[in-house]
Amino acid sequence: MADDQNEAASVRPTQRKAQEALEKQVAQLKREINKINRTLAERAEDAEEVAAGWYESAADRAGRTAQALRTGAQSVSGAVQENPGTVSTAFMLGAALGLLLGLTLNDASGPSRDRWFYK
């Protein structure tokens, strides 16, 4: 019986040491997790800054492109308003050339005219 008490007494300090060691390990893991969380937060802030820079750059380029398109549209509109006869003549000439090209290509394909009548 005395041996049982000695064994129980010797087991308790070993358990306490093991528990203390586990508590130290848990505390160390908590510190490491806190370090990782801080690092992740810093990297997230950096990524946010980079993304904001990309967005501002893209928005600036889009604004400049829109302004260039507006300027070009205004100049074309002005040219059309100043020379309506020239523009309409150019459209009619383009239509006539397209019609002639279409007829020429159709005749060049050979005796396929009948295909439209016998379907």
PDB file of N, CA and C in Angstrom:
ATOM      1  N   MET A   1       0.800  -1.176   0.000  1.00  0.00           N
ATOM      2  CA  MET A   1       0.000   0.000   0.000  1.00  0.00           C
ATOM      3  C   MET A   1       0.856   1.259   0.000  1.00  0.00           C
ATOM      4  N   ALA A   2       1.929   1.216   0.710  1.00  0.00           N
ATOM      5  CA  ALA A   2       2.833   2.347   0.745  1.00  0.00           C
ATOM      6  C   ALA A   2       3.434   2.577  -0.635  1.00  0.00           C
ATOM      7  N   ASP A   3       3.669   1.484  -1.333  1.00  0.00           N
ATOM      8  CA  ASP A   3       4.207   1.613  -2.683  1.00  0.00           C
ATOM      9  C   ASP A   3       3.211   2.307  -3.605  1.00  0.00           C
ATOM     10  N   ASP A   4       1.935   2.007  -3.402  1.00  0.00           N
ATOM     11  CA  ASP A   4       0.901   2.651  -4.221  1.00  0.00           C
ATOM     12  C   ASP A   4       0.885   4.154  -3.994  1.00  0.00           C
ATOM     13  N   GLN A   5       1.054   4.581  -2.758  1.00  0.00           N
ATOM     14  CA  GLN A   5       1.047   6.008  -2.448  1.00  0.00           C
ATOM     15  C   GLN A   5       2.285   6.679  -3.025  1.00  0.00           C
ATOM     16  N   ASN A   6       3.409   6.013  -2.969  1.00  0.00           N
ATOM     17  CA  ASN A   6       4.641   6.571  -3.538  1.00  0.00           C
ATOM     18  C   ASN A   6       4.517   6.704  -5.055  1.00  0.00           C
ATOM     19  N   GLU A   7       3.942   5.695  -5.671  1.00  0.00           N
ATOM     20  CA  GLU A   7       3.747   5.755  -7.121  1.00  0.00           C
ATOM     21  C   GLU A   7       2.794   6.882  -7.491  1.00  0.00           C
ATOM     22  N   ALA A   8       1.697   7.038  -6.739  1.00  0.00           N
ATOM     23  CA  ALA A   8       0.728   8.099  -6.997  1.00  0.00           C
ATOM     24  C   ALA A   8       1.386   9.459  -6.788  1.00  0.00           C
ATOM     25  N   ALA A   9       2.209   9.580  -5.762  1.00  0.00           N
ATOM     26  CA  ALA A   9       2.882  10.844  -5.487  1.00  0.00           C
ATOM     27  C   ALA A   9       3.892  11.159  -6.582  1.00  0.00           C
ATOM     28  N   SER A  10       4.572  10.129  -7.099  1.00  0.00           N
ATOM     29  CA  SER A  10       5.553  10.379  -8.148  1.00  0.00           C
ATOM     30  C   SER A  10       4.889  10.648  -9.494  1.00  0.00           C
ATOM     31  N   VAL A  11       3.685  10.129  -9.695  1.00  0.00           N
ATOM     32  CA  VAL A  11       2.972  10.364 -10.943  1.00  0.00           C
ATOM     33  C   VAL A  11       2.443  11.792 -10.993  1.00  0.00           C
ATOM     34  N   ARG A  12       2.016  12.302  -9.907  1.00  0.00           N
ATOM     35  CA  ARG A  12       1.447  13.648  -9.890  1.00  0.00           C
ATOM     36  C   ARG A  12       2.452  14.720 -10.317  1.00  0.00           C
ATOM     37  N   PRO A  13       3.681  14.725  -9.833  1.00  0.00           N
ATOM     38  CA  PRO A  13       4.633  15.734 -10.328  1.00  0.00           C
ATOM     39  C   PRO A  13       4.931  15.547 -11.821  1.00  0.00           C
ATOM     40  N   THR A  14       4.949  14.330 -12.288  1.00  0.00           N
ATOM     41  CA  THR A  14       5.182  14.087 -13.704  1.00  0.00           C
ATOM     42  C   THR A  14       4.014  14.639 -14.525  1.00  0.00           C
ATOM     43  N   GLN A  15       2.817  14.441 -14.037  1.00  0.00           N
ATOM     44  CA  GLN A  15       1.646  14.975 -14.731  1.00  0.00           C
ATOM     45  C   GLN A  15       1.675  16.499 -14.716  1.00  0.00           C
ATOM     46  N   ARG A  16       2.094  17.072 -13.595  1.00  0.00           N
ATOM     47  CA  ARG A  16       2.174  18.539 -13.508  1.00  0.00           C
ATOM     48  C   ARG A  16       3.210  19.069 -14.499  1.00  0.00           C
ATOM     49  N   LYS A  17       4.337  18.378 -14.581  1.00  0.00           N
ATOM     50  CA  LYS A  17       5.366  18.807 -15.526  1.00  0.00           C
ATOM     51  C   LYS A  17       4.860  18.707 -16.959  1.00  0.00           C
ATOM     52  N   ALA A  18       4.164  17.626 -17.237  1.00  0.00           N
ATOM     53  CA  ALA A  18       3.614  17.453 -18.580  1.00  0.00           C
ATOM     54  C   ALA A  18       2.580  18.534 -18.874  1.00  0.00           C
ATOM     55  N   GLN A  19       1.751  18.840 -17.900  1.00  0.00           N
ATOM     56  CA  GLN A  19       0.737  19.869 -18.072  1.00  0.00           C
ATOM     57  C   GLN A  19       1.392  21.233 -18.262  1.00  0.00           C
ATOM     58  N   GLU A  20       2.418  21.533 -17.479  1.00  0.00           N
ATOM     59  CA  GLU A  20       3.145  22.795 -17.623  1.00  0.00           C
ATOM     60  C   GLU A  20       3.806  22.885 -18.998  1.00  0.00           C
ATOM     61  N   ALA A  21       4.363  21.776 -19.451  1.00  0.00           N
ATOM     62  CA  ALA A  21       5.001  21.754 -20.774  1.00  0.00           C
ATOM     63  C   ALA A  21       3.959  22.003 -21.869  1.00  0.00           C
ATOM     64  N   LEU A  22       2.791  21.380 -21.724  1.00  0.00           N
ATOM     65  CA  LEU A  22       1.716  21.602 -22.703  1.00  0.00           C
ATOM     66  C   LEU A  22       1.233  23.046 -22.673  1.00  0.00           C
ATOM     67  N   GLU A  23       1.113  23.615 -21.494  1.00  0.00           N
ATOM     68  CA  GLU A  23       0.684  25.010 -21.388  1.00  0.00           C
ATOM     69  C   GLU A  23       1.697  25.942 -22.040  1.00  0.00           C
ATOM     70  N   LYS A  24       2.990  25.645 -21.853  1.00  0.00           N
ATOM     71  CA  LYS A  24       4.037  26.449 -22.501  1.00  0.00           C
ATOM     72  C   LYS A  24       3.925  26.344 -24.027  1.00  0.00           C
ATOM     73  N   GLN A  25       3.699  25.114 -24.497  1.00  0.00           N
ATOM     74  CA  GLN A  25       3.564  24.918 -25.945  1.00  0.00           C
ATOM     75  C   GLN A  25       2.340  25.653 -26.480  1.00  0.00           C
ATOM     76  N   VAL A  26       1.233  25.609 -25.746  1.00  0.00           N
ATOM     77  CA  VAL A  26       0.023  26.318 -26.174  1.00  0.00           C
ATOM     78  C   VAL A  26       0.282  27.817 -26.210  1.00  0.00           C
ATOM     79  N   ALA A  27       0.959  28.341 -25.198  1.00  0.00           N
ATOM     80  CA  ALA A  27       1.279  29.772 -25.165  1.00  0.00           C
ATOM     81  C   ALA A  27       2.177  30.151 -26.341  1.00  0.00           C
ATOM     82  N   GLN A  28       3.156  29.286 -26.635  1.00  0.00           N
ATOM     83  CA  GLN A  28       4.050  29.555 -27.764  1.00  0.00           C
ATOM     84  C   GLN A  28       3.272  29.528 -29.075  1.00  0.00           C
ATOM     85  N   LEU A  29       2.374  28.560 -29.229  1.00  0.00           N
ATOM     86  CA  LEU A  29       1.554  28.489 -30.444  1.00  0.00           C
ATOM     87  C   LEU A  29       0.671  29.726 -30.581  1.00  0.00           C
ATOM     88  N   LYS A  30       0.125  30.220 -29.475  1.00  0.00           N
ATOM     89  CA  LYS A  30      -0.697  31.438 -29.523  1.00  0.00           C
ATOM     90  C   LYS A  30       0.131  32.621 -29.998  1.00  0.00           C
ATOM     91  N   ARG A  31       1.372  32.720 -29.492  1.00  0.00           N
ATOM     92  CA  ARG A  31       2.239  33.815 -29.932  1.00  0.00           C
ATOM     93  C   ARG A  31       2.537  33.707 -31.431  1.00  0.00           C
ATOM     94  N   GLU A  32       2.810  32.503 -31.896  1.00  0.00           N
ATOM     95  CA  GLU A  32       3.095  32.301 -33.322  1.00  0.00           C
ATOM     96  C   GLU A  32       1.865  32.615 -34.171  1.00  0.00           C
ATOM     97  N   ILE A  33       0.690  32.225 -33.694  1.00  0.00           N
ATOM     98  CA  ILE A  33      -0.541  32.530 -34.441  1.00  0.00           C
ATOM     99  C   ILE A  33      -0.762  34.038 -34.502  1.00  0.00           C
ATOM    100  N   ASN A  34      -0.486  34.732 -33.407  1.00  0.00           N
ATOM    101  CA  ASN A  34      -0.610  36.195 -33.407  1.00  0.00           C
ATOM    102  C   ASN A  34       0.359  36.831 -34.396  1.00  0.00           C
ATOM    103  N   LYS A  35       1.592  36.297 -34.466  1.00  0.00           N
ATOM    104  CA  LYS A  35       2.558  36.807 -35.449  1.00  0.00           C
ATOM    105  C   LYS A  35       2.057  36.586 -36.871  1.00  0.00           C
ATOM    106  N   ILE A  36       1.526  35.405 -37.120  1.00  0.00           N
ATOM    107  CA  ILE A  36       1.003  35.088 -38.462  1.00  0.00           C
ATOM    108  C   ILE A  36      -0.157  36.010 -38.803  1.00  0.00           C
ATOM    109  N   ASN A  37      -1.049  36.251 -37.842  1.00  0.00           N
ATOM    110  CA  ASN A  37      -2.184  37.151 -38.085  1.00  0.00           C
ATOM    111  C   ASN A  37      -1.715  38.562 -38.403  1.00  0.00           C
ATOM    112  N   ARG A  38      -0.692  39.053 -37.691  1.00  0.00           N
ATOM    113  CA  ARG A  38      -0.162  40.387 -37.973  1.00  0.00           C
ATOM    114  C   ARG A  38       0.447  40.436 -39.380  1.00  0.00           C
ATOM    115  N   THR A  39       1.197  39.392 -39.731  1.00  0.00           N
ATOM    116  CA  THR A  39       1.806  39.340 -41.064  1.00  0.00           C
ATOM    117  C   THR A  39       0.738  39.324 -42.150  1.00  0.00           C
ATOM    118  N   LEU A  40      -0.288  38.519 -41.946  1.00  0.00           N
ATOM    119  CA  LEU A  40      -1.372  38.473 -42.921  1.00  0.00           C
ATOM    120  C   LEU A  40      -2.087  39.817 -43.044  1.00  0.00           C
ATOM    121  N   ALA A  41      -2.302  40.492 -41.941  1.00  0.00           N
ATOM    122  CA  ALA A  41      -2.945  41.808 -41.963  1.00  0.00           C
ATOM    123  C   ALA A  41      -2.089  42.817 -42.735  1.00  0.00           C
ATOM    124  N   GLU A  42      -0.770  42.776 -42.522  1.00  0.00           N
ATOM    125  CA  GLU A  42       0.126  43.676 -43.252  1.00  0.00           C
ATOM    126  C   GLU A  42       0.088  43.392 -44.744  1.00  0.00           C
ATOM    127  N   ARG A  43       0.109  42.125 -45.096  1.00  0.00           N
ATOM    128  CA  ARG A  43       0.078  41.763 -46.517  1.00  0.00           C
ATOM    129  C   ARG A  43      -1.254  42.139 -47.146  1.00  0.00           C
ATOM    130  N   ALA A  44      -2.336  42.006 -46.399  1.00  0.00           N
ATOM    131  CA  ALA A  44      -3.647  42.395 -46.927  1.00  0.00           C
ATOM    132  C   ALA A  44      -3.686  43.906 -47.178  1.00  0.00           C
ATOM    133  N   GLU A  45      -3.089  44.686 -46.274  1.00  0.00           N
ATOM    134  CA  GLU A  45      -3.023  46.132 -46.486  1.00  0.00           C
ATOM    135  C   GLU A  45      -2.199  46.463 -47.723  1.00  0.00           C
ATOM    136  N   ASP A  46      -1.077  45.783 -47.897  1.00  0.00           N
ATOM    137  CA  ASP A  46      -0.248  46.007 -49.083  1.00  0.00           C
ATOM    138  C   ASP A  46      -1.013  45.663 -50.362  1.00  0.00           C
ATOM    139  N   ALA A  47      -1.713  44.531 -50.337  1.00  0.00           N
ATOM    140  CA  ALA A  47      -2.482  44.122 -51.515  1.00  0.00           C
ATOM    141  C   ALA A  47      -3.586  45.129 -51.806  1.00  0.00           C
ATOM    142  N   GLU A  48      -4.191  45.672 -50.762  1.00  0.00           N
ATOM    143  CA  GLU A  48      -5.243  46.675 -50.951  1.00  0.00           C
ATOM    144  C   GLU A  48      -4.677  47.935 -51.606  1.00  0.00           C
ATOM    145  N   GLU A  49      -3.502  48.347 -51.163  1.00  0.00           N
ATOM    146  CA  GLU A  49      -2.865  49.530 -51.748  1.00  0.00           C
ATOM    147  C   GLU A  49      -2.533  49.303 -53.221  1.00  0.00           C
ATOM    148  N   VAL A  50      -2.021  48.121 -53.537  1.00  0.00           N
ATOM    149  CA  VAL A  50      -1.677  47.808 -54.930  1.00  0.00           C
ATOM    150  C   VAL A  50      -2.937  47.795 -55.794  1.00  0.00           C
ATOM    151  N   ALA A  51      -3.992  47.178 -55.293  1.00  0.00           N
ATOM    152  CA  ALA A  51      -5.245  47.111 -56.051  1.00  0.00           C
ATOM    153  C   ALA A  51      -5.825  48.510 -56.256  1.00  0.00           C
ATOM    154  N   ALA A  52      -5.733  49.356 -55.237  1.00  0.00           N
ATOM    155  CA  ALA A  52      -6.232  50.724 -55.367  1.00  0.00           C
ATOM    156  C   ALA A  52      -5.429  51.477 -56.433  1.00  0.00           C
ATOM    157  N   GLY A  53      -4.127  51.250 -56.467  1.00  0.00           N
ATOM    158  CA  GLY A  53      -3.294  51.884 -57.496  1.00  0.00           C
ATOM    159  C   GLY A  53      -3.672  51.424 -58.892  1.00  0.00           C
ATOM    160  N   TRP A  54      -3.908  50.131 -59.050  1.00  0.00           N
ATOM    161  CA  TRP A  54      -4.322  49.613 -60.357  1.00  0.00           C
ATOM    162  C   TRP A  54      -5.659  50.213 -60.777  1.00  0.00           C
ATOM    163  N   TYR A  55      -6.585  50.303 -59.836  1.00  0.00           N
ATOM    164  CA  TYR A  55      -7.905  50.848 -60.152  1.00  0.00           C
ATOM    165  C   TYR A  55      -7.798  52.313 -60.582  1.00  0.00           C
ATOM    166  N   GLU A  56      -7.019  53.090 -59.831  1.00  0.00           N
ATOM    167  CA  GLU A  56      -6.856  54.502 -60.178  1.00  0.00           C
ATOM    168  C   GLU A  56      -6.206  54.656 -61.549  1.00  0.00           C
ATOM    169  N   SER A  57      -5.229  53.828 -61.838  1.00  0.00           N
ATOM    170  CA  SER A  57      -4.556  53.884 -63.133  1.00  0.00           C
ATOM    171  C   SER A  57      -5.518  53.532 -64.263  1.00  0.00           C
ATOM    172  N   ALA A  58      -6.300  52.470 -64.066  1.00  0.00           N
ATOM    173  CA  ALA A  58      -7.262  52.065 -65.091  1.00  0.00           C
ATOM    174  C   ALA A  58      -8.340  53.125 -65.280  1.00  0.00           C
ATOM    175  N   ALA A  59      -8.800  53.715 -64.195  1.00  0.00           N
ATOM    176  CA  ALA A  59      -9.828  54.749 -64.287  1.00  0.00           C
ATOM    177  C   ALA A  59      -9.282  55.969 -65.021  1.00  0.00           C
ATOM    178  N   ASP A  60      -8.037  56.316 -64.762  1.00  0.00           N
ATOM    179  CA  ASP A  60      -7.420  57.454 -65.441  1.00  0.00           C
ATOM    180  C   ASP A  60      -7.301  57.193 -66.941  1.00  0.00           C
ATOM    181  N   ARG A  61      -6.843  55.984 -67.295  1.00  0.00           N
ATOM    182  CA  ARG A  61      -6.714  55.641 -68.722  1.00  0.00           C
ATOM    183  C   ARG A  61      -8.074  55.627 -69.405  1.00  0.00           C
ATOM    184  N   ALA A  62      -9.078  55.094 -68.730  1.00  0.00           N
ATOM    185  CA  ALA A  62     -10.422  55.048 -69.312  1.00  0.00           C
ATOM    186  C   ALA A  62     -10.957  56.462 -69.528  1.00  0.00           C
ATOM    187  N   GLY A  63     -10.689  57.341 -68.599  1.00  0.00           N
ATOM    188  CA  GLY A  63     -11.124  58.733 -68.747  1.00  0.00           C
ATOM    189  C   GLY A  63     -10.450  59.411 -69.928  1.00  0.00           C
ATOM    190  N   ARG A  64      -9.147  59.178 -70.074  1.00  0.00           N
ATOM    191  CA  ARG A  64      -8.434  59.779 -71.209  1.00  0.00           C
ATOM    192  C   ARG A  64      -8.922  59.214 -72.540  1.00  0.00           C
ATOM    193  N   THR A  65      -9.196  57.902 -72.563  1.00  0.00           N
ATOM    194  CA  THR A  65      -9.694  57.283 -73.787  1.00  0.00           C
ATOM    195  C   THR A  65     -11.072  57.816 -74.146  1.00  0.00           C
ATOM    196  N   ALA A  66     -11.935  57.955 -73.145  1.00  0.00           N
ATOM    197  CA  ALA A  66     -13.277  58.494 -73.397  1.00  0.00           C
ATOM    198  C   ALA A  66     -13.186  59.922 -73.930  1.00  0.00           C
ATOM    199  N   GLN A  67     -12.280  60.713 -73.367  1.00  0.00           N
ATOM    200  CA  GLN A  67     -12.108  62.088 -73.850  1.00  0.00           C
ATOM    201  C   GLN A  67     -11.619  62.099 -75.297  1.00  0.00           C
ATOM    202  N   ALA A  68     -10.676  61.213 -75.630  1.00  0.00           N
ATOM    203  CA  ALA A  68     -10.185  61.139 -77.009  1.00  0.00           C
ATOM    204  C   ALA A  68     -11.306  60.723 -77.963  1.00  0.00           C
ATOM    205  N   LEU A  69     -12.137  59.775 -77.549  1.00  0.00           N
ATOM    206  CA  LEU A  69     -13.260  59.361 -78.391  1.00  0.00           C
ATOM    207  C   LEU A  69     -14.263  60.488 -78.574  1.00  0.00           C
ATOM    208  N   ARG A  70     -14.521  61.245 -77.513  1.00  0.00           N
ATOM    209  CA  ARG A  70     -15.443  62.389 -77.632  1.00  0.00           C
ATOM    210  C   ARG A  70     -14.894  63.418 -78.610  1.00  0.00           C
ATOM    211  N   THR A  71     -13.601  63.688 -78.500  1.00  0.00           N
ATOM    212  CA  THR A  71     -12.976  64.661 -79.393  1.00  0.00           C
ATOM    213  C   THR A  71     -13.065  64.189 -80.846  1.00  0.00           C
ATOM    214  N   GLY A  72     -12.774  62.906 -81.077  1.00  0.00           N
ATOM    215  CA  GLY A  72     -12.869  62.370 -82.439  1.00  0.00           C
ATOM    216  C   GLY A  72     -14.288  62.406 -82.969  1.00  0.00           C
ATOM    217  N   ALA A  73     -15.252  62.070 -82.134  1.00  0.00           N
ATOM    218  CA  ALA A  73     -16.657  62.094 -82.575  1.00  0.00           C
ATOM    219  C   ALA A  73     -17.100  63.514 -82.890  1.00  0.00           C
ATOM    220  N   GLN A  74     -16.643  64.470 -82.094  1.00  0.00           N
ATOM    221  CA  GLN A  74     -17.001  65.862 -82.359  1.00  0.00           C
ATOM    222  C   GLN A  74     -16.394  66.342 -83.673  1.00  0.00           C
ATOM    223  N   SER A  75     -15.165  65.938 -83.957  1.00  0.00           N
ATOM    224  CA  SER A  75     -14.540  66.381 -85.210  1.00  0.00           C
ATOM    225  C   SER A  75     -15.225  65.743 -86.410  1.00  0.00           C
ATOM    226  N   VAL A  76     -15.615  64.475 -86.305  1.00  0.00           N
ATOM    227  CA  VAL A  76     -16.340  63.824 -87.402  1.00  0.00           C
ATOM    228  C   VAL A  76     -17.703  64.473 -87.583  1.00  0.00           C
ATOM    229  N   SER A  77     -18.366  64.733 -86.471  1.00  0.00           N
ATOM    230  CA  SER A  77     -19.684  65.369 -86.538  1.00  0.00           C
ATOM    231  C   SER A  77     -19.576  66.750 -87.179  1.00  0.00           C
ATOM    232  N   GLY A  78     -18.541  67.483 -86.814  1.00  0.00           N
ATOM    233  CA  GLY A  78     -18.335  68.807 -87.412  1.00  0.00           C
ATOM    234  C   GLY A  78     -18.076  68.709 -88.910  1.00  0.00           C
ATOM    235  N   ALA A  79     -17.275  67.740 -89.319  1.00  0.00           N
ATOM    236  CA  ALA A  79     -16.984  67.574 -90.748  1.00  0.00           C
ATOM    237  C   ALA A  79     -18.250  67.213 -91.516  1.00  0.00           C
ATOM    238  N   VAL A  80     -19.091  66.375 -90.939  1.00  0.00           N
ATOM    239  CA  VAL A  80     -20.332  65.986 -91.605  1.00  0.00           C
ATOM    240  C   VAL A  80     -21.271  67.185 -91.705  1.00  0.00           C
ATOM    241  N   GLN A  81     -21.347  67.983 -90.658  1.00  0.00           N
ATOM    242  CA  GLN A  81     -22.229  69.144 -90.687  1.00  0.00           C
ATOM    243  C   GLN A  81     -21.744  70.201 -91.674  1.00  0.00           C
ATOM    244  N   GLU A  82     -20.437  70.328 -91.797  1.00  0.00           N
ATOM    245  CA  GLU A  82     -19.886  71.327 -92.712  1.00  0.00           C
ATOM    246  C   GLU A  82     -19.960  70.868 -94.169  1.00  0.00           C
ATOM    247  N   ASN A  83     -19.890  69.575 -94.420  1.00  0.00           N
ATOM    248  CA  ASN A  83     -19.865  69.044 -95.782  1.00  0.00           C
ATOM    249  C   ASN A  83     -20.875  67.910 -95.953  1.00  0.00           C
ATOM    250  N   PRO A  84     -22.159  68.174 -95.856  1.00  0.00           N
ATOM    251  CA  PRO A  84     -23.130  67.080 -95.959  1.00  0.00           C
ATOM    252  C   PRO A  84     -23.150  66.455 -97.359  1.00  0.00           C
ATOM    253  N   GLY A  85     -22.888  67.239 -98.376  1.00  0.00           N
ATOM    254  CA  GLY A  85     -22.889  66.708 -99.744  1.00  0.00           C
ATOM    255  C   GLY A  85     -21.748  65.731 -99.963  1.00  0.00           C
ATOM    256  N   THR A  86     -20.612  66.028 -99.424  1.00  0.00           N
ATOM    257  CA  THR A  86     -19.443  65.162 -99.576  1.00  0.00           C
ATOM    258  C   THR A  86     -19.676  63.820 -98.884  1.00  0.00           C
ATOM    259  N   VAL A  87     -20.251  63.871 -97.700  1.00  0.00           N
ATOM    260  CA  VAL A  87     -20.487  62.641 -96.951  1.00  0.00           C
ATOM    261  C   VAL A  87     -21.522  61.778 -97.659  1.00  0.00           C
ATOM    262  N   SER A  88     -22.614  62.380 -98.101  1.00  0.00           N
ATOM    263  CA  SER A  88     -23.643  61.584 -98.775  1.00  0.00           C
ATOM    264  C   SER A  88     -23.117  61.034-100.099  1.00  0.00           C
ATOM    265  N   THR A  89     -22.291  61.810-100.793  1.00  0.00           N
ATOM    266  CA  THR A  89     -21.688  61.316-102.039  1.00  0.00           C
ATOM    267  C   THR A  89     -20.773  60.133-101.742  1.00  0.00           C
ATOM    268  N   ALA A  90     -20.006  60.215-100.679  1.00  0.00           N
ATOM    269  CA  ALA A  90     -19.106  59.121-100.322  1.00  0.00           C
ATOM    270  C   ALA A  90     -19.905  57.861 -99.986  1.00  0.00           C
ATOM    271  N   PHE A  91     -21.016  58.008 -99.257  1.00  0.00           N
ATOM    272  CA  PHE A  91     -21.847  56.844 -98.946  1.00  0.00           C
ATOM    273  C   PHE A  91     -22.459  56.242-100.209  1.00  0.00           C
ATOM    274  N   MET A  92     -22.940  57.079-101.095  1.00  0.00           N
ATOM    275  CA  MET A  92     -23.555  56.567-102.334  1.00  0.00           C
ATOM    276  C   MET A  92     -22.500  55.892-103.205  1.00  0.00           C
ATOM    277  N   LEU A  93     -21.310  56.464-103.284  1.00  0.00           N
ATOM    278  CA  LEU A  93     -20.233  55.862-104.066  1.00  0.00           C
ATOM    279  C   LEU A  93     -19.852  54.500-103.472  1.00  0.00           C
ATOM    280  N   GLY A  94     -19.776  54.417-102.144  1.00  0.00           N
ATOM    281  CA  GLY A  94     -19.469  53.145-101.492  1.00  0.00           C
ATOM    282  C   GLY A  94     -20.545  52.110-101.757  1.00  0.00           C
ATOM    283  N   ALA A  95     -21.802  52.510-101.725  1.00  0.00           N
ATOM    284  CA  ALA A  95     -22.903  51.583-101.998  1.00  0.00           C
ATOM    285  C   ALA A  95     -22.844  51.093-103.442  1.00  0.00           C
ATOM    286  N   ALA A  96     -22.559  51.994-104.372  1.00  0.00           N
ATOM    287  CA  ALA A  96     -22.480  51.606-105.785  1.00  0.00           C
ATOM    288  C   ALA A  96     -21.322  50.631-106.008  1.00  0.00           C
ATOM    289  N   LEU A  97     -20.180  50.914-105.391  1.00  0.00           N
ATOM    290  CA  LEU A  97     -19.040  50.008-105.545  1.00  0.00           C
ATOM    291  C   LEU A  97     -19.353  48.641-104.941  1.00  0.00           C
ATOM    292  N   GLY A  98     -20.030  48.622-103.798  1.00  0.00           N
ATOM    293  CA  GLY A  98     -20.418  47.357-103.181  1.00  0.00           C
ATOM    294  C   GLY A  98     -21.367  46.567-104.049  1.00  0.00           C
ATOM    295  N   LEU A  99     -22.316  47.249-104.685  1.00  0.00           N
ATOM    296  CA  LEU A  99     -23.262  46.579-105.573  1.00  0.00           C
ATOM    297  C   LEU A  99     -22.543  46.000-106.795  1.00  0.00           C
ATOM    298  N   LEU A 100     -21.666  46.803-107.395  1.00  0.00           N
ATOM    299  CA  LEU A 100     -20.908  46.310-108.551  1.00  0.00           C
ATOM    300  C   LEU A 100     -20.013  45.134-108.171  1.00  0.00           C
ATOM    301  N   LEU A 101     -19.384  45.205-107.033  1.00  0.00           N
ATOM    302  CA  LEU A 101     -18.526  44.111-106.582  1.00  0.00           C
ATOM    303  C   LEU A 101     -19.345  42.843-106.358  1.00  0.00           C
ATOM    304  N   GLY A 102     -20.508  43.001-105.766  1.00  0.00           N
ATOM    305  CA  GLY A 102     -21.384  41.851-105.535  1.00  0.00           C
ATOM    306  C   GLY A 102     -21.851  41.225-106.836  1.00  0.00           C
ATOM    307  N   LEU A 103     -22.233  42.047-107.792  1.00  0.00           N
ATOM    308  CA  LEU A 103     -22.671  41.509-109.083  1.00  0.00           C
ATOM    309  C   LEU A 103     -21.517  40.828-109.813  1.00  0.00           C
ATOM    310  N   THR A 104     -20.347  41.414-109.738  1.00  0.00           N
ATOM    311  CA  THR A 104     -19.184  40.823-110.401  1.00  0.00           C
ATOM    312  C   THR A 104     -18.839  39.467-109.780  1.00  0.00           C
ATOM    313  N   LEU A 105     -18.834  39.386-108.486  1.00  0.00           N
ATOM    314  CA  LEU A 105     -18.531  38.120-107.830  1.00  0.00           C
ATOM    315  C   LEU A 105     -19.605  37.079-108.108  1.00  0.00           C
ATOM    316  N   ASN A 106     -20.839  37.499-108.220  1.00  0.00           N
ATOM    317  CA  ASN A 106     -21.924  36.569-108.510  1.00  0.00           C
ATOM    318  C   ASN A 106     -21.786  36.013-109.933  1.00  0.00           C
ATOM    319  N   ASP A 107     -21.446  36.854-110.897  1.00  0.00           N
ATOM    320  CA  ASP A 107     -21.250  36.391-112.279  1.00  0.00           C
ATOM    321  C   ASP A 107     -20.016  35.501-112.391  1.00  0.00           C
ATOM    322  N   ALA A 108     -19.014  35.767-111.583  1.00  0.00           N
ATOM    323  CA  ALA A 108     -17.788  34.988-111.659  1.00  0.00           C
ATOM    324  C   ALA A 108     -17.988  33.573-111.125  1.00  0.00           C
ATOM    325  N   SER A 109     -19.026  33.353-110.373  1.00  0.00           N
ATOM    326  CA  SER A 109     -19.228  32.021-109.807  1.00  0.00           C
ATOM    327  C   SER A 109     -19.795  31.047-110.833  1.00  0.00           C
ATOM    328  N   GLY A 110     -20.135  31.501-112.015  1.00  0.00           N
ATOM    329  CA  GLY A 110     -20.552  30.595-113.086  1.00  0.00           C
ATOM    330  C   GLY A 110     -22.063  30.465-113.210  1.00  0.00           C
ATOM    331  N   PRO A 111     -22.472  29.377-113.845  1.00  0.00           N
ATOM    332  CA  PRO A 111     -23.897  29.213-114.161  1.00  0.00           C
ATOM    333  C   PRO A 111     -24.715  28.740-112.952  1.00  0.00           C
ATOM    334  N   SER A 112     -24.645  29.463-111.881  1.00  0.00           N
ATOM    335  CA  SER A 112     -25.404  29.066-110.698  1.00  0.00           C
ATOM    336  C   SER A 112     -26.644  29.933-110.519  1.00  0.00           C
ATOM    337  N   ARG A 113     -26.988  30.720-111.526  1.00  0.00           N
ATOM    338  CA  ARG A 113     -28.167  31.572-111.434  1.00  0.00           C
ATOM    339  C   ARG A 113     -29.436  30.748-111.275  1.00  0.00           C
ATOM    340  N   ASP A 114     -29.453  29.594-111.872  1.00  0.00           N
ATOM    341  CA  ASP A 114     -30.665  28.778-111.850  1.00  0.00           C
ATOM    342  C   ASP A 114     -30.959  28.239-110.454  1.00  0.00           C
ATOM    343  N   ARG A 115     -29.976  28.226-109.597  1.00  0.00           N
ATOM    344  CA  ARG A 115     -30.200  27.663-108.270  1.00  0.00           C
ATOM    345  C   ARG A 115     -31.240  28.449-107.502  1.00  0.00           C
ATOM    346  N   TRP A 116     -31.443  29.712-107.801  1.00  0.00           N
ATOM    347  CA  TRP A 116     -32.425  30.520-107.105  1.00  0.00           C
ATOM    348  C   TRP A 116     -33.840  30.199-107.575  1.00  0.00           C
ATOM    349  N   PHE A 117     -33.976  29.717-108.769  1.00  0.00           N
ATOM    350  CA  PHE A 117     -35.304  29.484-109.323  1.00  0.00           C
ATOM    351  C   PHE A 117     -35.823  28.073-109.057  1.00  0.00           C
ATOM    352  N   TYR A 118     -34.947  27.094-108.812  1.00  0.00           N
ATOM    353  CA  TYR A 118     -35.380  25.698-108.710  1.00  0.00           C
ATOM    354  C   TYR A 118     -35.288  25.118-107.320  1.00  0.00           C
ATOM    355  N   LYS A 119     -35.377  25.889-106.337  1.00  0.00           N
ATOM    356  CA  LYS A 119     -35.274  25.334-104.978  1.00  0.00           C
ATOM    357  C   LYS A 119     -36.574  24.822-104.483  1.00  0.00           C
TER     358      LYS A 119
END
